[in-house]
Amino acid sequence: MRPQTKRLADVIPAPALVVPEPAVTFTVAPEAVTALAPEPRDDGPVRLELGADELGPEGYRLEITAAGVTLRAAAPAGLFWGLQTLRQLAADDGVLPGGVIEDRPRFAYRGAMLDLARHFFTADEIRAHVDLLAQFKINHLHLHLTDDQGWRLEIPGWPRLTEVGGGPGTGCDGAGPGYLTLAEYAEVVAYAAERFVTVVPEIDMPGHVNAALVAYPELTADGQPVAPRTDAEVGYSSLVAGKEETYAFVEAVLKAVADATPGPFLHIGGDECLSTSAEDYRAFLTRVLPLPAKYGKRPVGWHEIAAVDLPEGAVVQYWRPQDEGTEVAAAVAAGHQVIMSPADRTYLDMKYDETTPIGLDWAGLVPVRRAYDWDPADRLPGVPETALLGVAAPLWSETLRSVADLQYLTFPRLPAVAEVAWTPQAGRDWASFRERLAGFGPRWDAAGVTWFRAPEIDWPAG
């Protein structure tokens, strides 16, 4: 059971350095802390200052004395993450334990992915999800916008993509229709940016494109219509590498998405292209991978893209649970960065245990401890910590039908991945984490969050 006495280290992710002063406390109204914005202020019980350059752009220094609180950071992002720490400490009763925290992230990219293609979530629902993610210092939201079962973002000049791909009967089992207009997408991006979360849009290709082929049959190999699919199978669809119509379509889409996205990344998928020959896959990516850079973005792709010669700045996202890292290591040797998302550790759509009513199990069961107890720098030979851009936790939505389902599979595993991504490896400890995690159950209950009562954790009664 979690101790009743609050400690300075009782936050998630665990800070890099904690120096407690056990005899000191300071009390502040929790709602006053919640209302603080990440901008300098020297009035009130909490002072916010810009400085502390030695902690980097997202680092912060938090000092709690009997006289008040001082939060100092080099940039507004650091102030924001420091406020998340302060809000966690103040959440229950506003009594803050004394001492100093000096903190900075292990990795620059700390991500969560939400699949809108298999089940659509509205702009309001995405914004609410951003708020839950940001509490744990997640700073990238990867939106999987297109797949076989749906197309979820408006593209000017290609209206049938959303009219058909976002219409009634789309999504797995036909249960998840809807799409974002460009205006709604812009609102989501701006809302996330205010919370220092960068949206990373994904347009999956050359596979996972059945929704696009249904909408525009001229993109198929023979120009003939194909049937919509609402099952969860993968690997059967492909854009045609040998048709110029393919590249006109792809460039129009990527330009529109890049124009609507102020963040630096554009994800082009590239995974599970089982019906695309190796020759066609190479030909397609050779033409497509340079396009994000043409429109001011860094290309990101699932790790299958490492099979081709990558343009400068391209990022490889590793996802398979098996050790298939040879090509990823070669990409690293060529100077490319990697995002770690191994399915057997980070995929939030895997079942927690055999009794979990939703989720999948093809990568095995992923209880909270499995999501926590691993080191991204030790996952693949030839992929050291210096090559890692960060860590991300994907949530595919084949079995999701509601926000409650989304939250149930996300919590309490997302905090585990968040600590993997933020906290130095030497500062992580399962026994400490499970004790700290226990304190969040009542907070999620109070916030109306649907979460899984993982048996590994000694949750408070109630």
Protein backbone atom coordinates (compact mmCIF):
# COMPACT_ATOMS: atom_id res chain seq x y z
CA MET A 1 0.00 0.00 0.00
CA ARG A 2 1.25 3.50 -0.82
CA PRO A 3 2.57 5.35 2.22
CA GLN A 4 0.35 8.10 3.61
CA THR A 5 3.24 10.56 3.97
CA LYS A 6 3.83 12.32 0.69
CA ARG A 7 7.41 12.35 -0.58
CA LEU A 8 9.12 14.67 -3.01
CA ALA A 9 9.81 11.71 -5.29
CA ASP A 10 6.15 10.62 -5.48
CA VAL A 11 5.73 11.66 -9.10
CA ILE A 12 5.69 9.92 -12.49
CA PRO A 13 7.98 9.98 -14.40
CA ALA A 14 10.61 9.80 -11.66
CA PRO A 15 12.77 12.95 -11.69
CA ALA A 16 16.45 12.74 -12.56
CA LEU A 17 17.56 14.14 -9.19
CA VAL A 18 15.62 14.55 -5.94
CA VAL A 19 17.09 16.14 -2.79
CA PRO A 20 14.40 16.03 -0.09
CA GLU A 21 14.14 18.19 3.02
CA PRO A 22 11.94 15.96 5.20
CA ALA A 23 11.36 18.60 7.89
CA VAL A 24 10.00 21.16 5.41
CA THR A 25 6.54 21.49 3.86
CA PHE A 26 4.66 24.24 2.07
CA THR A 27 0.93 24.33 1.50
CA VAL A 28 -0.68 25.72 -1.62
CA ALA A 29 -4.21 25.42 -2.98
CA PRO A 30 -4.23 22.64 -5.60
CA GLU A 31 -6.53 24.69 -7.82
CA ALA A 32 -4.03 27.57 -7.75
CA VAL A 33 -1.32 25.25 -9.06
CA THR A 34 -3.64 23.89 -11.74
CA ALA A 35 -4.34 27.41 -12.95
CA LEU A 36 -0.66 28.29 -13.47
CA ALA A 37 0.56 28.80 -17.04
CA PRO A 38 4.18 28.17 -18.14
CA GLU A 39 5.25 31.82 -18.16
CA PRO A 40 7.47 33.82 -15.73
CA ARG A 41 5.79 35.28 -12.67
CA ASP A 42 7.23 36.54 -9.41
CA ASP A 43 4.03 37.00 -7.42
CA GLY A 44 2.05 34.53 -5.38
CA PRO A 45 3.26 31.40 -3.61
CA VAL A 46 4.80 29.90 -6.77
CA ARG A 47 7.51 31.80 -8.66
CA LEU A 48 8.15 30.82 -12.30
CA GLU A 49 11.49 31.91 -13.76
CA LEU A 50 13.36 31.40 -17.02
CA GLY A 51 17.01 30.38 -16.72
CA ALA A 52 18.69 27.08 -15.74
CA ASP A 53 20.14 26.57 -19.22
CA GLU A 54 22.24 23.66 -18.00
CA LEU A 55 19.09 21.50 -17.81
CA GLY A 56 18.29 21.81 -21.51
CA PRO A 57 15.12 23.06 -23.26
CA GLU A 58 12.77 20.69 -21.39
CA GLY A 59 14.53 20.54 -18.04
CA TYR A 60 13.52 22.37 -14.87
CA ARG A 61 14.56 23.01 -11.27
CA LEU A 62 11.85 22.93 -8.60
CA GLU A 63 12.64 24.18 -5.09
CA ILE A 64 10.10 23.91 -2.28
CA THR A 65 10.86 25.72 0.97
CA ALA A 66 8.80 26.74 3.96
CA ALA A 67 8.48 30.18 2.37
CA GLY A 68 7.24 29.12 -1.07
CA VAL A 69 7.97 27.44 -4.37
CA THR A 70 10.37 28.42 -7.14
CA LEU A 71 10.23 26.72 -10.53
CA ARG A 72 13.04 27.62 -12.93
CA ALA A 73 13.60 26.41 -16.49
CA ALA A 74 15.49 27.41 -19.62
CA ALA A 75 12.35 27.54 -21.77
CA PRO A 76 8.56 27.51 -21.43
CA ALA A 77 8.51 23.77 -22.17
CA GLY A 78 10.60 23.15 -19.07
CA LEU A 79 8.26 25.30 -16.99
CA PHE A 80 5.32 23.29 -18.31
CA TRP A 81 6.86 19.93 -17.40
CA GLY A 82 7.86 21.31 -14.02
CA LEU A 83 4.25 22.33 -13.48
CA GLN A 84 3.16 18.77 -14.19
CA THR A 85 5.47 17.62 -11.39
CA LEU A 86 4.15 20.32 -9.08
CA ARG A 87 0.53 19.45 -9.89
CA GLN A 88 1.13 15.81 -9.07
CA LEU A 89 2.68 16.76 -5.73
CA ALA A 90 -0.17 19.15 -4.91
CA ALA A 91 -2.98 16.97 -6.23
CA ASP A 92 -4.33 15.44 -3.02
CA ASP A 93 -4.24 18.19 -0.40
CA GLY A 94 -1.84 20.90 -1.54
CA VAL A 95 0.79 20.00 1.07
CA LEU A 96 4.11 20.02 -0.76
CA PRO A 97 7.13 18.16 0.64
CA GLY A 98 10.25 20.29 0.87
CA GLY A 99 13.42 19.93 -1.14
CA VAL A 100 14.82 20.33 -4.62
CA ILE A 101 14.14 18.50 -7.88
CA GLU A 102 16.47 18.93 -10.85
CA ASP A 103 15.03 17.18 -13.84
CA ARG A 104 15.45 16.73 -17.57
CA PRO A 105 14.28 14.05 -20.03
CA ARG A 106 16.33 11.07 -21.08
CA PHE A 107 14.91 11.23 -24.62
CA ALA A 108 13.69 14.15 -26.71
CA TYR A 109 10.83 12.15 -28.27
CA ARG A 110 8.31 10.74 -25.79
CA GLY A 111 5.32 9.64 -27.76
CA ALA A 112 1.92 8.02 -27.78
CA MET A 113 0.13 6.94 -30.95
CA LEU A 114 -3.63 6.86 -31.46
CA ASP A 115 -5.14 4.94 -34.37
CA LEU A 116 -8.07 6.91 -35.79
CA ALA A 117 -8.43 4.72 -38.87
CA ARG A 118 -9.81 1.53 -37.26
CA HIS A 119 -12.01 3.56 -34.89
CA PHE A 120 -12.48 7.29 -35.14
CA PHE A 121 -12.18 9.64 -32.19
CA THR A 122 -13.50 13.18 -32.44
CA ALA A 123 -11.46 16.35 -32.05
CA ASP A 124 -12.89 16.86 -28.56
CA GLU A 125 -11.97 13.30 -27.59
CA ILE A 126 -8.43 13.71 -28.92
CA ARG A 127 -7.99 16.95 -26.98
CA ALA A 128 -9.12 15.25 -23.77
CA HIS A 129 -6.61 12.47 -24.47
CA VAL A 130 -3.83 15.03 -24.92
CA ASP A 131 -4.52 16.38 -21.44
CA LEU A 132 -4.15 12.91 -19.93
CA LEU A 133 -0.91 12.27 -21.83
CA ALA A 134 0.71 15.59 -20.99
CA GLN A 135 0.41 14.91 -17.25
CA PHE A 136 3.12 12.28 -17.73
CA LYS A 137 5.38 14.49 -19.88
CA ILE A 138 4.47 12.83 -23.19
CA ASN A 139 5.44 15.38 -25.83
CA HIS A 140 4.42 13.78 -29.14
CA LEU A 141 1.00 12.56 -30.28
CA HIS A 142 1.27 10.35 -33.36
CA LEU A 143 -2.09 10.20 -35.17
CA HIS A 144 -2.53 7.17 -37.45
CA LEU A 145 -4.94 8.85 -39.87
CA THR A 146 -5.36 6.34 -42.70
CA ASP A 147 -5.59 2.59 -43.15
CA ASP A 148 -7.59 -0.12 -44.89
CA GLN A 149 -10.70 0.54 -42.81
CA GLY A 150 -10.88 4.34 -42.94
CA TRP A 151 -9.44 7.68 -44.05
CA ARG A 152 -9.72 10.30 -41.31
CA LEU A 153 -8.34 13.61 -42.58
CA GLU A 154 -9.80 15.96 -45.17
CA ILE A 155 -7.54 16.40 -48.21
CA PRO A 156 -8.39 19.31 -50.58
CA GLY A 157 -9.08 18.11 -54.11
CA TRP A 158 -9.72 14.54 -52.99
CA PRO A 159 -13.14 14.73 -51.35
CA ARG A 160 -14.04 11.06 -51.66
CA LEU A 161 -11.24 10.08 -49.31
CA THR A 162 -13.33 11.28 -46.37
CA GLU A 163 -16.77 11.07 -47.96
CA VAL A 164 -16.22 7.35 -48.49
CA GLY A 165 -13.31 6.57 -46.16
CA GLY A 166 -14.82 8.46 -43.25
CA GLY A 167 -18.44 7.74 -43.93
CA PRO A 168 -20.96 5.36 -42.38
CA GLY A 169 -19.80 1.77 -42.08
CA THR A 170 -16.08 2.56 -41.87
CA GLY A 171 -13.76 1.36 -39.14
CA CYS A 172 -13.39 -2.18 -37.85
CA ASP A 173 -16.77 -3.93 -37.99
CA GLY A 174 -18.09 -0.72 -39.53
CA ALA A 175 -18.35 0.71 -36.01
CA GLY A 176 -16.10 3.76 -36.21
CA PRO A 177 -17.13 6.38 -38.82
CA GLY A 178 -15.98 9.98 -38.92
CA TYR A 179 -13.11 12.21 -39.97
CA LEU A 180 -11.35 15.45 -39.10
CA THR A 181 -11.83 18.49 -41.28
CA LEU A 182 -8.66 20.50 -41.81
CA ALA A 183 -10.07 23.11 -39.44
CA GLU A 184 -10.65 20.48 -36.74
CA TYR A 185 -7.19 19.06 -37.29
CA ALA A 186 -5.68 22.53 -36.94
CA GLU A 187 -7.56 23.00 -33.65
CA VAL A 188 -6.22 19.69 -32.32
CA VAL A 189 -2.67 20.58 -33.38
CA ALA A 190 -2.90 24.01 -31.75
CA TYR A 191 -4.42 22.61 -28.54
CA ALA A 192 -1.65 20.04 -28.30
CA ALA A 193 1.04 22.66 -28.99
CA GLU A 194 -0.24 24.77 -26.10
CA ARG A 195 0.60 21.75 -23.93
CA PHE A 196 4.00 21.29 -25.61
CA VAL A 197 2.77 18.18 -27.43
CA THR A 198 3.74 17.91 -31.10
CA VAL A 199 1.29 16.16 -33.42
CA VAL A 200 2.90 13.65 -35.79
CA PRO A 201 0.49 12.77 -38.62
CA GLU A 202 0.75 9.41 -40.37
CA ILE A 203 -0.47 8.63 -43.88
CA ASP A 204 0.30 4.91 -44.16
CA MET A 205 1.64 3.73 -47.55
CA PRO A 206 2.21 1.89 -49.85
CA GLY A 207 0.24 -0.73 -47.90
CA HIS A 208 -2.75 -0.22 -45.58
CA VAL A 209 -4.49 1.78 -48.34
CA ASN A 210 -7.73 -0.04 -49.07
CA ALA A 211 -9.84 2.93 -47.95
CA ALA A 212 -8.07 5.13 -50.51
CA LEU A 213 -8.50 2.53 -53.26
CA VAL A 214 -12.22 2.23 -52.51
CA ALA A 215 -12.58 6.01 -52.76
CA TYR A 216 -10.49 6.32 -55.97
CA PRO A 217 -10.45 3.12 -58.04
CA GLU A 218 -8.14 4.76 -60.59
CA LEU A 219 -5.38 4.14 -58.04
CA THR A 220 -5.79 0.36 -58.27
CA ALA A 221 -3.65 -1.78 -60.55
CA ASP A 222 -6.42 -2.31 -63.12
CA GLY A 223 -8.49 0.80 -62.44
CA GLN A 224 -11.38 -1.30 -61.19
CA PRO A 225 -13.26 -0.76 -57.91
CA VAL A 226 -12.33 -2.77 -54.83
CA ALA A 227 -14.62 -3.70 -51.98
CA PRO A 228 -14.52 -1.87 -48.63
CA ARG A 229 -12.98 -3.82 -45.77
CA THR A 230 -13.92 -3.59 -42.10
CA ASP A 231 -12.05 -6.65 -40.83
CA ALA A 232 -8.71 -6.45 -39.03
CA GLU A 233 -6.58 -8.31 -41.60
CA VAL A 234 -3.39 -6.64 -42.87
CA GLY A 235 -1.05 -6.83 -45.83
CA TYR A 236 -3.48 -7.21 -48.74
CA SER A 237 -3.62 -3.68 -50.18
CA SER A 238 -1.01 -1.61 -51.98
CA LEU A 239 -0.55 1.48 -54.04
CA VAL A 240 0.92 0.74 -57.47
CA ALA A 241 4.59 1.67 -57.73
CA GLY A 242 4.51 1.75 -61.55
CA LYS A 243 1.66 4.25 -62.04
CA GLU A 244 2.27 7.98 -62.23
CA GLU A 245 -1.24 8.51 -60.84
CA THR A 246 0.09 7.02 -57.59
CA TYR A 247 2.71 9.69 -57.14
CA ALA A 248 0.40 12.56 -58.07
CA PHE A 249 -1.96 11.31 -55.37
CA VAL A 250 0.77 10.75 -52.78
CA GLU A 251 2.37 14.14 -53.29
CA ALA A 252 -0.97 15.95 -53.11
CA VAL A 253 -1.78 14.22 -49.85
CA LEU A 254 1.61 14.70 -48.24
CA LYS A 255 1.74 18.37 -49.24
CA ALA A 256 -1.70 18.97 -47.74
CA VAL A 257 -0.77 17.24 -44.50
CA ALA A 258 2.59 19.00 -44.28
CA ASP A 259 0.94 22.38 -44.90
CA ALA A 260 -1.50 21.69 -42.05
CA THR A 261 1.16 20.47 -39.61
CA PRO A 262 3.59 22.93 -37.99
CA GLY A 263 5.57 20.15 -36.27
CA PRO A 264 8.76 18.77 -37.85
CA PHE A 265 7.65 15.18 -38.56
CA LEU A 266 5.55 13.48 -41.25
CA HIS A 267 5.06 9.73 -40.88
CA ILE A 268 4.64 7.74 -44.10
CA GLY A 269 4.03 4.30 -42.55
CA GLY A 270 5.72 1.71 -44.76
CA ASP A 271 4.78 -1.31 -42.64
CA GLU A 272 3.29 -4.71 -43.50
CA CYS A 273 3.41 -4.26 -47.28
CA LEU A 274 2.92 -7.98 -47.84
CA SER A 275 1.31 -7.60 -51.26
CA THR A 276 3.99 -5.21 -52.53
CA SER A 277 7.03 -6.84 -54.12
CA ALA A 278 10.43 -5.94 -52.70
CA GLU A 279 11.29 -4.26 -56.00
CA ASP A 280 8.11 -2.18 -56.02
CA TYR A 281 8.54 -1.31 -52.34
CA ARG A 282 11.99 0.07 -53.02
CA ALA A 283 10.84 1.93 -56.12
CA PHE A 284 7.91 3.48 -54.25
CA LEU A 285 9.88 4.61 -51.21
CA THR A 286 12.74 5.91 -53.32
CA ARG A 287 10.28 8.41 -54.80
CA VAL A 288 8.17 9.06 -51.72
CA LEU A 289 10.64 9.33 -48.84
CA PRO A 290 12.15 12.60 -50.15
CA LEU A 291 8.71 14.27 -50.32
CA PRO A 292 8.36 15.21 -46.63
CA ALA A 293 11.66 17.09 -46.82
CA LYS A 294 10.43 18.86 -49.95
CA TYR A 295 7.66 20.30 -47.77
CA GLY A 296 9.82 21.03 -44.75
CA LYS A 297 9.33 17.85 -42.71
CA ARG A 298 11.45 14.95 -41.49
CA PRO A 299 10.16 11.62 -42.81
CA VAL A 300 9.34 8.96 -40.23
CA GLY A 301 8.43 5.37 -41.07
CA TRP A 302 7.98 2.01 -39.42
CA HIS A 303 11.21 0.07 -39.41
CA GLU A 304 10.53 -1.75 -42.66
CA ILE A 305 11.67 1.45 -44.43
CA ALA A 306 15.23 0.68 -43.26
CA ALA A 307 15.38 -1.83 -46.13
CA VAL A 308 15.89 1.06 -48.57
CA ASP A 309 18.42 3.87 -48.80
CA LEU A 310 17.00 6.54 -46.51
CA PRO A 311 17.23 10.28 -47.17
CA GLU A 312 19.04 12.47 -44.70
CA GLY A 313 17.07 13.06 -41.51
CA ALA A 314 14.73 10.09 -41.92
CA VAL A 315 13.66 8.44 -38.64
CA VAL A 316 13.03 4.71 -38.25
CA GLN A 317 10.36 3.54 -35.80
CA TYR A 318 11.07 0.01 -34.57
CA TRP A 319 7.95 -1.99 -33.69
CA ARG A 320 8.22 -5.77 -34.07
CA PRO A 321 8.57 -7.88 -30.91
CA GLN A 322 11.05 -10.20 -32.60
CA ASP A 323 14.69 -9.21 -32.94
CA GLU A 324 14.74 -7.95 -36.53
CA GLY A 325 17.17 -5.14 -35.97
CA THR A 326 19.86 -5.80 -38.59
CA GLU A 327 18.51 -3.27 -41.07
CA VAL A 328 17.72 -0.83 -38.26
CA ALA A 329 21.34 -1.09 -37.10
CA ALA A 330 22.47 -0.41 -40.66
CA ALA A 331 20.29 2.71 -40.74
CA VAL A 332 21.85 3.83 -37.46
CA ALA A 333 25.33 3.26 -38.91
CA ALA A 334 24.31 5.55 -41.77
CA GLY A 335 23.40 8.29 -39.29
CA HIS A 336 19.66 7.82 -38.79
CA GLN A 337 17.77 8.04 -35.51
CA VAL A 338 15.36 5.47 -34.11
CA ILE A 339 12.13 5.64 -32.15
CA MET A 340 11.68 2.54 -30.01
CA SER A 341 8.16 1.05 -30.01
CA PRO A 342 8.63 -2.71 -29.56
CA ALA A 343 5.17 -4.26 -29.58
CA ASP A 344 5.85 -6.62 -26.67
CA ARG A 345 6.67 -3.66 -24.40
CA THR A 346 4.94 -0.52 -25.68
CA TYR A 347 1.83 -1.55 -27.66
CA LEU A 348 -1.05 -0.37 -25.50
CA ASP A 349 -3.55 -2.42 -27.54
CA MET A 350 -2.12 -5.70 -26.25
CA LYS A 351 -4.13 -7.38 -23.51
CA TYR A 352 -2.92 -6.98 -19.94
CA ASP A 353 -3.69 -10.62 -19.15
CA GLU A 354 -5.86 -13.50 -20.37
CA THR A 355 -8.97 -11.96 -18.82
CA THR A 356 -8.70 -8.55 -20.50
CA PRO A 357 -12.00 -8.10 -22.41
CA ILE A 358 -10.56 -5.99 -25.23
CA GLY A 359 -7.20 -5.76 -26.95
CA LEU A 360 -5.06 -8.17 -28.95
CA ASP A 361 -2.36 -10.68 -28.01
CA TRP A 362 -0.31 -11.37 -31.13
CA ALA A 363 2.74 -9.76 -29.47
CA GLY A 364 1.99 -11.47 -26.17
CA LEU A 365 0.41 -10.15 -23.02
CA VAL A 366 1.75 -6.80 -21.78
CA PRO A 367 1.12 -6.31 -18.07
CA VAL A 368 2.31 -3.09 -16.46
CA ARG A 369 5.62 -4.53 -15.30
CA ARG A 370 6.46 -5.71 -18.83
CA ALA A 371 5.79 -2.21 -20.14
CA TYR A 372 8.15 -0.85 -17.48
CA ASP A 373 11.00 -3.34 -17.06
CA TRP A 374 13.14 -2.83 -20.17
CA ASP A 375 15.87 -0.54 -21.45
CA PRO A 376 15.44 0.96 -24.95
CA ALA A 377 19.21 1.22 -25.32
CA ASP A 378 19.63 -2.54 -24.87
CA ARG A 379 16.85 -3.66 -27.20
CA LEU A 380 18.73 -4.00 -30.50
CA PRO A 381 22.41 -4.72 -31.21
CA GLY A 382 23.98 -1.79 -32.99
CA VAL A 383 21.32 0.66 -31.76
CA PRO A 384 22.84 2.44 -28.74
CA GLU A 385 21.24 5.15 -26.66
CA THR A 386 22.99 7.84 -28.69
CA ALA A 387 21.03 6.71 -31.76
CA LEU A 388 17.64 6.86 -30.07
CA LEU A 389 15.38 9.82 -30.72
CA GLY A 390 12.99 8.40 -28.17
CA VAL A 391 10.28 5.96 -27.17
CA ALA A 392 6.62 5.80 -28.19
CA ALA A 393 3.59 3.76 -27.14
CA PRO A 394 1.20 2.94 -30.01
CA LEU A 395 -2.48 2.20 -29.43
CA TRP A 396 -4.15 0.49 -32.38
CA SER A 397 -7.92 0.61 -32.30
CA GLU A 398 -9.20 -2.65 -33.84
CA THR A 399 -10.99 -3.54 -30.59
CA LEU A 400 -11.82 -0.04 -29.37
CA ARG A 401 -15.40 1.20 -29.51
CA SER A 402 -15.39 4.10 -27.03
CA VAL A 403 -13.29 6.57 -25.08
CA ALA A 404 -13.67 4.24 -22.10
CA ASP A 405 -11.93 1.51 -24.12
CA LEU A 406 -9.18 3.95 -25.09
CA GLN A 407 -8.55 4.89 -21.48
CA TYR A 408 -8.78 1.31 -20.20
CA LEU A 409 -5.93 0.13 -22.42
CA THR A 410 -3.89 3.31 -21.87
CA PHE A 411 -3.96 3.46 -18.07
CA PRO A 412 -2.01 2.41 -16.10
CA ARG A 413 0.48 1.31 -18.81
CA LEU A 414 1.11 4.71 -20.37
CA PRO A 415 2.79 6.05 -17.20
CA ALA A 416 5.16 3.06 -17.33
CA VAL A 417 6.28 3.86 -20.88
CA ALA A 418 6.45 7.57 -20.00
CA GLU A 419 8.94 6.82 -17.23
CA VAL A 420 11.00 4.62 -19.58
CA ALA A 421 11.19 7.59 -21.95
CA TRP A 422 11.86 10.36 -19.40
CA THR A 423 13.83 8.95 -16.48
CA PRO A 424 17.51 7.91 -16.71
CA GLN A 425 17.83 4.14 -16.69
CA ALA A 426 19.79 4.21 -13.42
CA GLY A 427 16.98 6.15 -11.78
CA ARG A 428 14.23 3.64 -12.56
CA ASP A 429 13.09 0.94 -10.17
CA TRP A 430 9.99 -1.26 -10.42
CA ALA A 431 9.34 -1.38 -6.68
CA SER A 432 9.39 2.42 -6.50
CA PHE A 433 7.29 2.81 -9.63
CA ARG A 434 4.50 0.46 -8.54
CA GLU A 435 4.28 2.29 -5.21
CA ARG A 436 4.06 5.68 -6.92
CA LEU A 437 1.60 4.40 -9.52
CA ALA A 438 -0.80 3.25 -6.80
CA GLY A 439 -1.50 6.86 -5.89
CA PHE A 440 -2.99 7.60 -9.31
CA GLY A 441 -5.95 5.24 -9.02
CA PRO A 442 -8.02 7.59 -6.87
CA ARG A 443 -7.05 10.53 -9.08
CA TRP A 444 -8.23 8.74 -12.22
CA ASP A 445 -11.46 7.82 -10.43
CA ALA A 446 -12.01 11.45 -9.45
CA ALA A 447 -11.36 12.54 -13.05
CA GLY A 448 -13.79 9.97 -14.47
CA VAL A 449 -11.05 8.04 -16.26
CA THR A 450 -11.73 4.39 -16.99
CA TRP A 451 -8.62 2.40 -16.03
CA PHE A 452 -7.51 -1.19 -15.46
CA ARG A 453 -6.95 -2.22 -11.87
CA ALA A 454 -3.72 -4.08 -12.59
CA PRO A 455 -3.19 -6.84 -9.99
CA GLU A 456 0.56 -6.08 -9.89
CA ILE A 457 -0.17 -2.81 -8.07
CA ASP A 458 -1.36 -2.41 -4.46
CA TRP A 459 -4.10 0.08 -5.27
CA PRO A 460 -5.77 1.92 -2.41
CA ALA A 461 -9.10 0.43 -1.38
CA GLY A 462 -12.17 1.84 -3.05
